[in-house]
Amino acid sequence: MPTPAGDPLRKVTLNLYEADCAAAEKYFGRGWTTELRDQFHAFIHTTLSHAKTRRTLGDLNDTTK
């Protein structure tokens, strides 16, 4: 029986390439979809946290005055 996830889950239909699924099954074995979910979760958190801290030159204080 699979271990329950910590956060609430939503079931979605996701079309993946057959070769990618076969490679994931071979590399991660049984439960490869859980690994995929965890990696996607980490990617989203990294991307969103990076977007919040992203700066442009206009955001910098002018300290030359």
Protein backbone atom coordinates (compact mmCIF):
# COMPACT_ATOMS: atom_id res chain seq x y z
CA MET A 1 0.00 0.00 0.00
CA PRO A 2 1.41 3.43 -0.92
CA THR A 3 2.36 5.84 1.82
CA PRO A 4 0.06 8.85 2.07
CA ALA A 5 1.37 12.23 0.92
CA GLY A 6 1.77 15.02 3.46
CA ASP A 7 -0.01 17.73 1.45
CA PRO A 8 -3.44 17.38 -0.17
CA LEU A 9 -3.30 15.81 -3.63
CA ARG A 10 -5.25 16.48 -6.80
CA LYS A 11 -5.56 13.76 -9.41
CA VAL A 12 -4.79 15.03 -12.91
CA THR A 13 -4.35 13.50 -16.33
CA LEU A 14 -0.89 14.18 -17.70
CA ASN A 15 0.26 12.97 -21.10
CA LEU A 16 3.88 11.88 -20.90
CA TYR A 17 6.12 10.42 -23.57
CA GLU A 18 6.14 6.62 -23.52
CA ALA A 19 9.95 6.47 -23.62
CA ASP A 20 10.16 8.83 -20.61
CA CYS A 21 7.75 6.67 -18.61
CA ALA A 22 9.72 3.54 -19.45
CA ALA A 23 12.98 5.22 -18.43
CA ALA A 24 11.45 6.47 -15.16
CA GLU A 25 10.12 2.99 -14.37
CA LYS A 26 13.55 1.51 -15.04
CA TYR A 27 15.45 4.15 -13.04
CA PHE A 28 13.11 4.69 -10.07
CA GLY A 29 11.29 1.37 -10.11
CA ARG A 30 7.88 0.96 -8.58
CA GLY A 31 6.53 4.28 -7.35
CA TRP A 32 8.18 6.36 -10.06
CA THR A 33 5.12 8.64 -10.19
CA THR A 34 5.71 9.64 -6.57
CA GLU A 35 9.28 10.59 -7.48
CA LEU A 36 7.96 12.59 -10.43
CA ARG A 37 5.48 14.39 -8.15
CA ASP A 38 8.21 15.23 -5.63
CA GLN A 39 10.54 16.56 -8.33
CA PHE A 40 7.75 18.67 -9.84
CA HIS A 41 6.95 20.04 -6.38
CA ALA A 42 10.60 20.99 -5.82
CA PHE A 43 10.76 22.62 -9.26
CA ILE A 44 7.67 24.74 -8.57
CA HIS A 45 8.96 25.87 -5.18
CA THR A 46 12.39 26.74 -6.60
CA THR A 47 10.90 28.61 -9.54
CA LEU A 48 8.41 30.59 -7.46
CA SER A 49 10.93 31.51 -4.78
CA HIS A 50 13.40 32.63 -7.47
CA ALA A 51 10.71 34.74 -9.16
CA LYS A 52 10.00 36.56 -5.88
CA THR A 53 13.66 37.54 -5.41
CA ARG A 54 14.41 38.33 -9.05
CA ARG A 55 15.58 41.91 -9.42
CA THR A 56 16.20 44.33 -12.25
CA LEU A 57 18.56 47.28 -12.38
CA GLY A 58 15.58 49.52 -11.73
CA ASP A 59 15.09 47.84 -8.33
CA LEU A 60 18.54 48.83 -7.09
CA ASN A 61 19.06 51.91 -4.96
CA ASP A 62 21.14 54.66 -6.53
CA THR A 63 24.08 54.92 -4.13
CA THR A 64 26.27 57.01 -6.43
CA LYS A 65 24.67 60.32 -5.39
